[in-house]
Full PDB file with SEQRES, HELIX, SHEET, SSBOND, CRYST1, ORIGX, SCALE, CONECT and MASTER records, all heavy atoms in Angstrom:
SEQRES   1 A   33  ALA ILE LYS ALA ALA VAL SER GLU GLU LEU LYS ALA VAL          
SEQRES   2 A   33  PHE LYS LYS TYR PRO THR LYS LEU LEU ALA ASN GLN SER          
SEQRES   3 A   33  GLN GLU TYR SER ILE TYR VAL                                  
HELIX    1 AA1 ILE A    2  ALA A    5  1                                   4    
HELIX    2 AA2 GLU A    8  LYS A   16  1                                   9    
CRYST1    1.000    1.000    1.000  90.00  90.00  90.00 P 1           1          
ORIGX1      1.000000  0.000000  0.000000        0.00000                         
ORIGX2      0.000000  1.000000  0.000000        0.00000                         
ORIGX3      0.000000  0.000000  1.000000        0.00000                         
SCALE1      1.000000  0.000000  0.000000        0.00000                         
SCALE2      0.000000  1.000000  0.000000        0.00000                         
SCALE3      0.000000  0.000000  1.000000        0.00000                         
ATOM      1  N   ALA A   1      88.376  96.722 132.475  1.00  0.00           N  
ATOM      2  CA  ALA A   1      87.944  96.846 131.085  1.00  0.00           C  
ATOM      3  C   ALA A   1      88.738  97.895 130.301  1.00  0.00           C  
ATOM      4  O   ALA A   1      89.113  97.611 129.168  1.00  0.00           O  
ATOM      5  CB  ALA A   1      86.409  97.243 130.989  1.00  0.00           C  
ATOM      6  N   ILE A   2      89.047  98.934 130.973  1.00  0.00           N  
ATOM      7  CA  ILE A   2      89.748 100.020 130.165  1.00  0.00           C  
ATOM      8  C   ILE A   2      91.331  99.646 129.892  1.00  0.00           C  
ATOM      9  O   ILE A   2      91.813  99.885 128.940  1.00  0.00           O  
ATOM     10  CB  ILE A   2      89.706 101.424 130.773  1.00  0.00           C  
ATOM     11  CG1 ILE A   2      90.314 101.391 132.192  1.00  0.00           C  
ATOM     12  CG2 ILE A   2      88.322 101.978 130.792  1.00  0.00           C  
ATOM     13  CD1 ILE A   2      90.349 102.748 132.818  1.00  0.00           C  
ATOM     14  N   LYS A   3      91.792  98.809 130.948  1.00  0.00           N  
ATOM     15  CA  LYS A   3      93.144  98.302 130.633  1.00  0.00           C  
ATOM     16  C   LYS A   3      93.163  97.265 129.515  1.00  0.00           C  
ATOM     17  O   LYS A   3      94.018  97.265 128.615  1.00  0.00           O  
ATOM     18  CB  LYS A   3      93.640  97.727 131.901  1.00  0.00           C  
ATOM     19  CG  LYS A   3      94.003  98.706 133.012  1.00  0.00           C  
ATOM     20  CD  LYS A   3      94.454  97.994 134.251  1.00  0.00           C  
ATOM     21  CE  LYS A   3      94.761  98.944 135.389  1.00  0.00           C  
ATOM     22  NZ  LYS A   3      95.187  98.231 136.601  1.00  0.00           N  
ATOM     23  N   ALA A   4      92.170  96.458 129.483  1.00  0.00           N  
ATOM     24  CA  ALA A   4      92.041  95.330 128.452  1.00  0.00           C  
ATOM     25  C   ALA A   4      91.742  96.036 127.095  1.00  0.00           C  
ATOM     26  O   ALA A   4      92.291  95.549 126.069  1.00  0.00           O  
ATOM     27  CB  ALA A   4      90.938  94.311 128.821  1.00  0.00           C  
ATOM     28  N   ALA A   5      91.018  97.025 127.043  1.00  0.00           N  
ATOM     29  CA  ALA A   5      90.569  97.740 125.822  1.00  0.00           C  
ATOM     30  C   ALA A   5      91.853  98.247 125.056  1.00  0.00           C  
ATOM     31  O   ALA A   5      91.765  98.329 123.822  1.00  0.00           O  
ATOM     32  CB  ALA A   5      89.529  98.760 126.046  1.00  0.00           C  
ATOM     33  N   VAL A   6      92.839  98.661 125.727  1.00  0.00           N  
ATOM     34  CA  VAL A   6      93.977  99.315 125.126  1.00  0.00           C  
ATOM     35  C   VAL A   6      95.103  98.400 125.010  1.00  0.00           C  
ATOM     36  O   VAL A   6      96.139  98.802 124.586  1.00  0.00           O  
ATOM     37  CB  VAL A   6      94.326 100.627 125.870  1.00  0.00           C  
ATOM     38  CG1 VAL A   6      93.130 101.612 125.894  1.00  0.00           C  
ATOM     39  CG2 VAL A   6      94.813 100.245 127.269  1.00  0.00           C  
ATOM     40  N   SER A   7      94.946  97.164 125.409  1.00  0.00           N  
ATOM     41  CA  SER A   7      96.041  96.223 125.487  1.00  0.00           C  
ATOM     42  C   SER A   7      96.485  95.737 124.127  1.00  0.00           C  
ATOM     43  O   SER A   7      95.821  95.672 123.149  1.00  0.00           O  
ATOM     44  CB  SER A   7      95.666  95.033 126.396  1.00  0.00           C  
ATOM     45  OG  SER A   7      94.727  94.221 125.688  1.00  0.00           O  
ATOM     46  N   GLU A   8      97.839  95.387 124.083  1.00  0.00           N  
ATOM     47  CA  GLU A   8      98.403  94.766 122.878  1.00  0.00           C  
ATOM     48  C   GLU A   8      97.921  93.446 122.623  1.00  0.00           C  
ATOM     49  O   GLU A   8      97.794  92.838 121.525  1.00  0.00           O  
ATOM     50  CB  GLU A   8      99.968  94.770 123.073  1.00  0.00           C  
ATOM     51  CG  GLU A   8     100.595  96.117 122.913  1.00  0.00           C  
ATOM     52  CD  GLU A   8     100.429  96.746 121.554  1.00  0.00           C  
ATOM     53  OE1 GLU A   8     100.590  95.964 120.556  1.00  0.00           O  
ATOM     54  OE2 GLU A   8     100.181  97.961 121.515  1.00  0.00           O  
ATOM     55  N   GLU A   9      97.440  92.725 123.718  1.00  0.00           N  
ATOM     56  CA  GLU A   9      96.947  91.371 123.635  1.00  0.00           C  
ATOM     57  C   GLU A   9      95.584  91.464 122.791  1.00  0.00           C  
ATOM     58  O   GLU A   9      95.463  90.587 121.921  1.00  0.00           O  
ATOM     59  CB  GLU A   9      96.681  90.868 124.980  1.00  0.00           C  
ATOM     60  CG  GLU A   9      96.236  89.340 124.915  1.00  0.00           C  
ATOM     61  CD  GLU A   9      96.079  88.809 126.427  1.00  0.00           C  
ATOM     62  OE1 GLU A   9      96.185  89.470 127.461  1.00  0.00           O  
ATOM     63  OE2 GLU A   9      95.730  87.616 126.482  1.00  0.00           O  
ATOM     64  N   LEU A  10      94.767  92.399 123.129  1.00  0.00           N  
ATOM     65  CA  LEU A  10      93.494  92.504 122.348  1.00  0.00           C  
ATOM     66  C   LEU A  10      93.755  92.916 120.882  1.00  0.00           C  
ATOM     67  O   LEU A  10      93.156  92.321 119.960  1.00  0.00           O  
ATOM     68  CB  LEU A  10      92.596  93.491 122.980  1.00  0.00           C  
ATOM     69  CG  LEU A  10      91.254  93.770 122.326  1.00  0.00           C  
ATOM     70  CD1 LEU A  10      90.529  92.405 122.063  1.00  0.00           C  
ATOM     71  CD2 LEU A  10      90.399  94.759 123.043  1.00  0.00           C  
ATOM     72  N   LYS A  11      94.694  93.813 120.724  1.00  0.00           N  
ATOM     73  CA  LYS A  11      95.201  94.153 119.453  1.00  0.00           C  
ATOM     74  C   LYS A  11      95.599  93.049 118.576  1.00  0.00           C  
ATOM     75  O   LYS A  11      95.260  92.977 117.384  1.00  0.00           O  
ATOM     76  CB  LYS A  11      96.214  95.331 119.452  1.00  0.00           C  
ATOM     77  CG  LYS A  11      96.639  95.888 118.118  1.00  0.00           C  
ATOM     78  CD  LYS A  11      97.574  96.979 118.309  1.00  0.00           C  
ATOM     79  CE  LYS A  11      97.942  97.569 116.894  1.00  0.00           C  
ATOM     80  NZ  LYS A  11      98.940  98.637 117.018  1.00  0.00           N  
ATOM     81  N   ALA A  12      96.368  92.120 119.193  1.00  0.00           N  
ATOM     82  CA  ALA A  12      96.830  90.978 118.481  1.00  0.00           C  
ATOM     83  C   ALA A  12      95.724  90.108 117.991  1.00  0.00           C  
ATOM     84  O   ALA A  12      95.808  89.440 116.949  1.00  0.00           O  
ATOM     85  CB  ALA A  12      97.822  90.231 119.423  1.00  0.00           C  
ATOM     86  N   VAL A  13      94.683  89.966 118.816  1.00  0.00           N  
ATOM     87  CA  VAL A  13      93.510  89.127 118.475  1.00  0.00           C  
ATOM     88  C   VAL A  13      92.868  89.800 117.218  1.00  0.00           C  
ATOM     89  O   VAL A  13      92.402  89.176 116.314  1.00  0.00           O  
ATOM     90  CB  VAL A  13      92.527  88.951 119.602  1.00  0.00           C  
ATOM     91  CG1 VAL A  13      91.275  88.240 119.113  1.00  0.00           C  
ATOM     92  CG2 VAL A  13      93.278  88.094 120.767  1.00  0.00           C  
ATOM     93  N   PHE A  14      92.612  91.106 117.356  1.00  0.00           N  
ATOM     94  CA  PHE A  14      91.978  91.860 116.247  1.00  0.00           C  
ATOM     95  C   PHE A  14      92.748  91.620 114.908  1.00  0.00           C  
ATOM     96  O   PHE A  14      92.269  91.506 113.743  1.00  0.00           O  
ATOM     97  CB  PHE A  14      91.829  93.345 116.557  1.00  0.00           C  
ATOM     98  CG  PHE A  14      90.650  93.559 117.503  1.00  0.00           C  
ATOM     99  CD1 PHE A  14      90.739  94.696 118.416  1.00  0.00           C  
ATOM    100  CD2 PHE A  14      89.525  92.816 117.525  1.00  0.00           C  
ATOM    101  CE1 PHE A  14      89.715  94.951 119.293  1.00  0.00           C  
ATOM    102  CE2 PHE A  14      88.470  93.138 118.398  1.00  0.00           C  
ATOM    103  CZ  PHE A  14      88.558  94.130 119.329  1.00  0.00           C  
ATOM    104  N   LYS A  15      94.102  91.777 115.067  1.00  0.00           N  
ATOM    105  CA  LYS A  15      94.939  91.588 113.847  1.00  0.00           C  
ATOM    106  C   LYS A  15      94.889  90.153 113.306  1.00  0.00           C  
ATOM    107  O   LYS A  15      94.946  89.964 112.068  1.00  0.00           O  
ATOM    108  CB  LYS A  15      96.410  91.948 114.153  1.00  0.00           C  
ATOM    109  CG  LYS A  15      96.626  93.340 114.562  1.00  0.00           C  
ATOM    110  CD  LYS A  15      96.820  94.228 113.517  1.00  0.00           C  
ATOM    111  CE  LYS A  15      98.227  94.137 112.842  1.00  0.00           C  
ATOM    112  NZ  LYS A  15      98.482  95.163 111.797  1.00  0.00           N  
ATOM    113  N   LYS A  16      94.755  89.231 114.202  1.00  0.00           N  
ATOM    114  CA  LYS A  16      94.835  87.759 113.774  1.00  0.00           C  
ATOM    115  C   LYS A  16      93.427  87.429 113.177  1.00  0.00           C  
ATOM    116  O   LYS A  16      93.480  86.544 112.226  1.00  0.00           O  
ATOM    117  CB  LYS A  16      95.111  86.930 114.930  1.00  0.00           C  
ATOM    118  CG  LYS A  16      95.232  85.484 114.703  1.00  0.00           C  
ATOM    119  CD  LYS A  16      95.566  84.653 115.958  1.00  0.00           C  
ATOM    120  CE  LYS A  16      95.681  83.140 115.723  1.00  0.00           C  
ATOM    121  NZ  LYS A  16      95.967  82.424 116.962  1.00  0.00           N  
ATOM    122  N   TYR A  17      92.409  88.035 113.642  1.00  0.00           N  
ATOM    123  CA  TYR A  17      91.125  87.678 113.071  1.00  0.00           C  
ATOM    124  C   TYR A  17      90.397  88.915 112.548  1.00  0.00           C  
ATOM    125  O   TYR A  17      89.414  89.356 113.139  1.00  0.00           O  
ATOM    126  CB  TYR A  17      90.267  86.952 114.111  1.00  0.00           C  
ATOM    127  CG  TYR A  17      90.830  85.757 114.711  1.00  0.00           C  
ATOM    128  CD1 TYR A  17      91.479  85.808 115.940  1.00  0.00           C  
ATOM    129  CD2 TYR A  17      90.829  84.616 114.070  1.00  0.00           C  
ATOM    130  CE1 TYR A  17      92.054  84.686 116.533  1.00  0.00           C  
ATOM    131  CE2 TYR A  17      91.430  83.358 114.537  1.00  0.00           C  
ATOM    132  CZ  TYR A  17      92.071  83.539 115.776  1.00  0.00           C  
ATOM    133  OH  TYR A  17      92.536  82.367 116.363  1.00  0.00           O  
ATOM    134  N   PRO A  18      90.916  89.460 111.412  1.00  0.00           N  
ATOM    135  CA  PRO A  18      90.232  90.727 110.963  1.00  0.00           C  
ATOM    136  C   PRO A  18      88.869  90.441 110.440  1.00  0.00           C  
ATOM    137  O   PRO A  18      88.569  89.453 109.762  1.00  0.00           O  
ATOM    138  CB  PRO A  18      91.225  91.181 109.854  1.00  0.00           C  
ATOM    139  CG  PRO A  18      91.860  89.910 109.332  1.00  0.00           C  
ATOM    140  CD  PRO A  18      91.985  88.957 110.552  1.00  0.00           C  
ATOM    141  N   THR A  19      88.141  91.444 110.506  1.00  0.00           N  
ATOM    142  CA  THR A  19      86.723  91.451 109.835  1.00  0.00           C  
ATOM    143  C   THR A  19      86.802  92.404 108.606  1.00  0.00           C  
ATOM    144  O   THR A  19      86.932  93.606 108.783  1.00  0.00           O  
ATOM    145  CB  THR A  19      85.617  91.943 110.787  1.00  0.00           C  
ATOM    146  OG1 THR A  19      85.598  91.139 111.969  1.00  0.00           O  
ATOM    147  CG2 THR A  19      84.261  91.908 110.126  1.00  0.00           C  
ATOM    148  N   LYS A  20      86.920  91.753 107.495  1.00  0.00           N  
ATOM    149  CA  LYS A  20      87.192  92.551 106.286  1.00  0.00           C  
ATOM    150  C   LYS A  20      85.903  92.990 105.553  1.00  0.00           C  
ATOM    151  O   LYS A  20      85.546  92.644 104.471  1.00  0.00           O  
ATOM    152  CB  LYS A  20      88.034  91.746 105.340  1.00  0.00           C  
ATOM    153  CG  LYS A  20      89.393  91.158 105.902  1.00  0.00           C  
ATOM    154  CD  LYS A  20      90.075  90.321 104.951  1.00  0.00           C  
ATOM    155  CE  LYS A  20      91.371  89.818 105.458  1.00  0.00           C  
ATOM    156  NZ  LYS A  20      92.137  88.962 104.573  1.00  0.00           N  
ATOM    157  N   LEU A  21      85.235  93.929 106.244  1.00  0.00           N  
ATOM    158  CA  LEU A  21      84.032  94.512 105.809  1.00  0.00           C  
ATOM    159  C   LEU A  21      84.306  95.341 104.551  1.00  0.00           C  
ATOM    160  O   LEU A  21      85.057  96.267 104.658  1.00  0.00           O  
ATOM    161  CB  LEU A  21      83.249  95.222 106.877  1.00  0.00           C  
ATOM    162  CG  LEU A  21      81.903  95.854 106.454  1.00  0.00           C  
ATOM    163  CD1 LEU A  21      80.833  94.722 106.174  1.00  0.00           C  
ATOM    164  CD2 LEU A  21      81.269  96.703 107.569  1.00  0.00           C  
ATOM    165  N   LEU A  22      83.682  95.018 103.437  1.00  0.00           N  
ATOM    166  CA  LEU A  22      83.812  95.911 102.219  1.00  0.00           C  
ATOM    167  C   LEU A  22      85.199  96.007 101.769  1.00  0.00           C  
ATOM    168  O   LEU A  22      85.752  97.118 101.405  1.00  0.00           O  
ATOM    169  CB  LEU A  22      83.181  97.243 102.338  1.00  0.00           C  
ATOM    170  CG  LEU A  22      81.610  97.338 102.744  1.00  0.00           C  
ATOM    171  CD1 LEU A  22      81.250  98.758 102.989  1.00  0.00           C  
ATOM    172  CD2 LEU A  22      80.916  96.561 101.615  1.00  0.00           C  
ATOM    173  N   ALA A  23      85.982  94.901 101.912  1.00  0.00           N  
ATOM    174  CA  ALA A  23      87.370  94.944 101.580  1.00  0.00           C  
ATOM    175  C   ALA A  23      87.554  95.155  99.993  1.00  0.00           C  
ATOM    176  O   ALA A  23      86.692  94.679  99.217  1.00  0.00           O  
ATOM    177  CB  ALA A  23      88.072  93.584 101.868  1.00  0.00           C  
ATOM    178  N   ASN A  24      88.572  95.928  99.653  1.00  0.00           N  
ATOM    179  CA  ASN A  24      88.827  96.131  98.210  1.00  0.00           C  
ATOM    180  C   ASN A  24      90.069  95.209  97.811  1.00  0.00           C  
ATOM    181  O   ASN A  24      90.941  94.988  98.680  1.00  0.00           O  
ATOM    182  CB  ASN A  24      89.156  97.550  97.974  1.00  0.00           C  
ATOM    183  CG  ASN A  24      88.988  97.954  96.555  1.00  0.00           C  
ATOM    184  OD1 ASN A  24      88.699  97.083  95.655  1.00  0.00           O  
ATOM    185  ND2 ASN A  24      89.410  99.229  96.203  1.00  0.00           N  
ATOM    186  N   GLN A  25      90.054  94.717  96.603  1.00  0.00           N  
ATOM    187  CA  GLN A  25      91.127  93.868  96.149  1.00  0.00           C  
ATOM    188  C   GLN A  25      91.643  94.401  94.796  1.00  0.00           C  
ATOM    189  O   GLN A  25      90.915  94.871  93.893  1.00  0.00           O  
ATOM    190  CB  GLN A  25      90.662  92.493  95.904  1.00  0.00           C  
ATOM    191  CG  GLN A  25      90.157  91.790  97.133  1.00  0.00           C  
ATOM    192  CD  GLN A  25      89.551  90.394  96.898  1.00  0.00           C  
ATOM    193  OE1 GLN A  25      89.415  89.981  95.771  1.00  0.00           O  
ATOM    194  NE2 GLN A  25      89.358  89.629  98.054  1.00  0.00           N  
ATOM    195  N   SER A  26      93.012  94.339  94.655  1.00  0.00           N  
ATOM    196  CA  SER A  26      93.591  94.637  93.441  1.00  0.00           C  
ATOM    197  C   SER A  26      93.418  93.577  92.378  1.00  0.00           C  
ATOM    198  O   SER A  26      92.925  92.437  92.636  1.00  0.00           O  
ATOM    199  CB  SER A  26      95.024  94.910  93.604  1.00  0.00           C  
ATOM    200  OG  SER A  26      95.797  93.729  93.801  1.00  0.00           O  
ATOM    201  N   GLN A  27      93.804  93.815  91.152  1.00  0.00           N  
ATOM    202  CA  GLN A  27      93.869  92.731  90.258  1.00  0.00           C  
ATOM    203  C   GLN A  27      94.964  91.696  90.561  1.00  0.00           C  
ATOM    204  O   GLN A  27      95.847  92.038  91.453  1.00  0.00           O  
ATOM    205  CB  GLN A  27      94.098  93.270  88.766  1.00  0.00           C  
ATOM    206  CG  GLN A  27      95.645  93.798  88.570  1.00  0.00           C  
ATOM    207  CD  GLN A  27      95.875  94.331  87.175  1.00  0.00           C  
ATOM    208  OE1 GLN A  27      95.401  95.446  86.847  1.00  0.00           O  
ATOM    209  NE2 GLN A  27      96.650  93.633  86.523  1.00  0.00           N  
ATOM    210  N   GLU A  28      95.029  90.587  89.963  1.00  0.00           N  
ATOM    211  CA  GLU A  28      95.996  89.585  90.265  1.00  0.00           C  
ATOM    212  C   GLU A  28      97.324  89.956  89.296  1.00  0.00           C  
ATOM    213  O   GLU A  28      97.232  90.361  88.229  1.00  0.00           O  
ATOM    214  CB  GLU A  28      95.581  88.177  89.957  1.00  0.00           C  
ATOM    215  CG  GLU A  28      94.531  87.800  90.958  1.00  0.00           C  
ATOM    216  CD  GLU A  28      94.070  86.283  90.613  1.00  0.00           C  
ATOM    217  OE1 GLU A  28      94.766  85.622  89.802  1.00  0.00           O  
ATOM    218  OE2 GLU A  28      93.093  85.879  91.257  1.00  0.00           O  
ATOM    219  N   TYR A  29      98.507  89.777  89.963  1.00  0.00           N  
ATOM    220  CA  TYR A  29      99.708  89.928  89.232  1.00  0.00           C  
ATOM    221  C   TYR A  29     100.479  88.619  89.339  1.00  0.00           C  
ATOM    222  O   TYR A  29     100.396  87.853  90.228  1.00  0.00           O  
ATOM    223  CB  TYR A  29     100.653  91.029  89.884  1.00  0.00           C  
ATOM    224  CG  TYR A  29      99.970  92.418  89.971  1.00  0.00           C  
ATOM    225  CD1 TYR A  29      99.208  92.803  91.071  1.00  0.00           C  
ATOM    226  CD2 TYR A  29      99.976  93.208  88.802  1.00  0.00           C  
ATOM    227  CE1 TYR A  29      98.580  94.001  91.039  1.00  0.00           C  
ATOM    228  CE2 TYR A  29      99.345  94.479  88.841  1.00  0.00           C  
ATOM    229  CZ  TYR A  29      98.628  94.868  89.994  1.00  0.00           C  
ATOM    230  OH  TYR A  29      97.984  96.116  89.895  1.00  0.00           O  
ATOM    231  N   SER A  30     101.320  88.374  88.284  1.00  0.00           N  
ATOM    232  CA  SER A  30     101.918  87.003  88.235  1.00  0.00           C  
ATOM    233  C   SER A  30     103.448  87.160  88.497  1.00  0.00           C  
ATOM    234  O   SER A  30     104.043  88.193  88.221  1.00  0.00           O  
ATOM    235  CB  SER A  30     101.680  86.319  86.866  1.00  0.00           C  
ATOM    236  OG  SER A  30     102.048  87.200  85.775  1.00  0.00           O  
ATOM    237  N   ILE A  31     104.033  86.105  88.835  1.00  0.00           N  
ATOM    238  CA  ILE A  31     105.481  85.882  89.088  1.00  0.00           C  
ATOM    239  C   ILE A  31     105.857  84.588  88.409  1.00  0.00           C  
ATOM    240  O   ILE A  31     105.299  83.604  88.700  1.00  0.00           O  
ATOM    241  CB  ILE A  31     105.827  85.866  90.673  1.00  0.00           C  
ATOM    242  CG1 ILE A  31     105.169  87.063  91.378  1.00  0.00           C  
ATOM    243  CG2 ILE A  31     107.331  85.822  90.823  1.00  0.00           C  
ATOM    244  CD1 ILE A  31     104.947  86.652  92.784  1.00  0.00           C  
ATOM    245  N   TYR A  32     106.980  84.652  87.585  1.00  0.00           N  
ATOM    246  CA  TYR A  32     107.484  83.475  87.059  1.00  0.00           C  
ATOM    247  C   TYR A  32     108.798  83.139  87.859  1.00  0.00           C  
ATOM    248  O   TYR A  32     109.746  83.970  87.818  1.00  0.00           O  
ATOM    249  CB  TYR A  32     107.778  83.484  85.589  1.00  0.00           C  
ATOM    250  CG  TYR A  32     107.996  82.020  85.137  1.00  0.00           C  
ATOM    251  CD1 TYR A  32     106.974  81.209  84.775  1.00  0.00           C  
ATOM    252  CD2 TYR A  32     109.332  81.475  85.096  1.00  0.00           C  
ATOM    253  CE1 TYR A  32     107.124  79.894  84.433  1.00  0.00           C  
ATOM    254  CE2 TYR A  32     109.556  80.198  84.703  1.00  0.00           C  
ATOM    255  CZ  TYR A  32     108.493  79.318  84.437  1.00  0.00           C  
ATOM    256  OH  TYR A  32     108.791  78.031  84.142  1.00  0.00           O  
ATOM    257  N   VAL A  33     108.880  82.027  88.418  1.00  0.00           N  
ATOM    258  CA  VAL A  33     109.906  81.528  89.290  1.00  0.00           C  
ATOM    259  C   VAL A  33     110.805  80.466  88.511  1.00  0.00           C  
ATOM    260  O   VAL A  33     110.326  79.474  88.145  1.00  0.00           O  
ATOM    261  CB  VAL A  33     109.409  80.979  90.606  1.00  0.00           C  
ATOM    262  CG1 VAL A  33     110.532  80.567  91.547  1.00  0.00           C  
ATOM    263  CG2 VAL A  33     108.504  82.025  91.270  1.00  0.00           C  
TER     264      VAL A  33                                                      
MASTER        0    0    0    2    0    0    0    6  263    1    0    3          
END                                                                             
């Protein structure tokens, strides 16, 4: 368990599926291409 808890593999799963509790968002900005 302690090896898995600190692993990069678990970190990658957390990064891939973030839980965005109370996330903050900026205003929208535009780009003309």
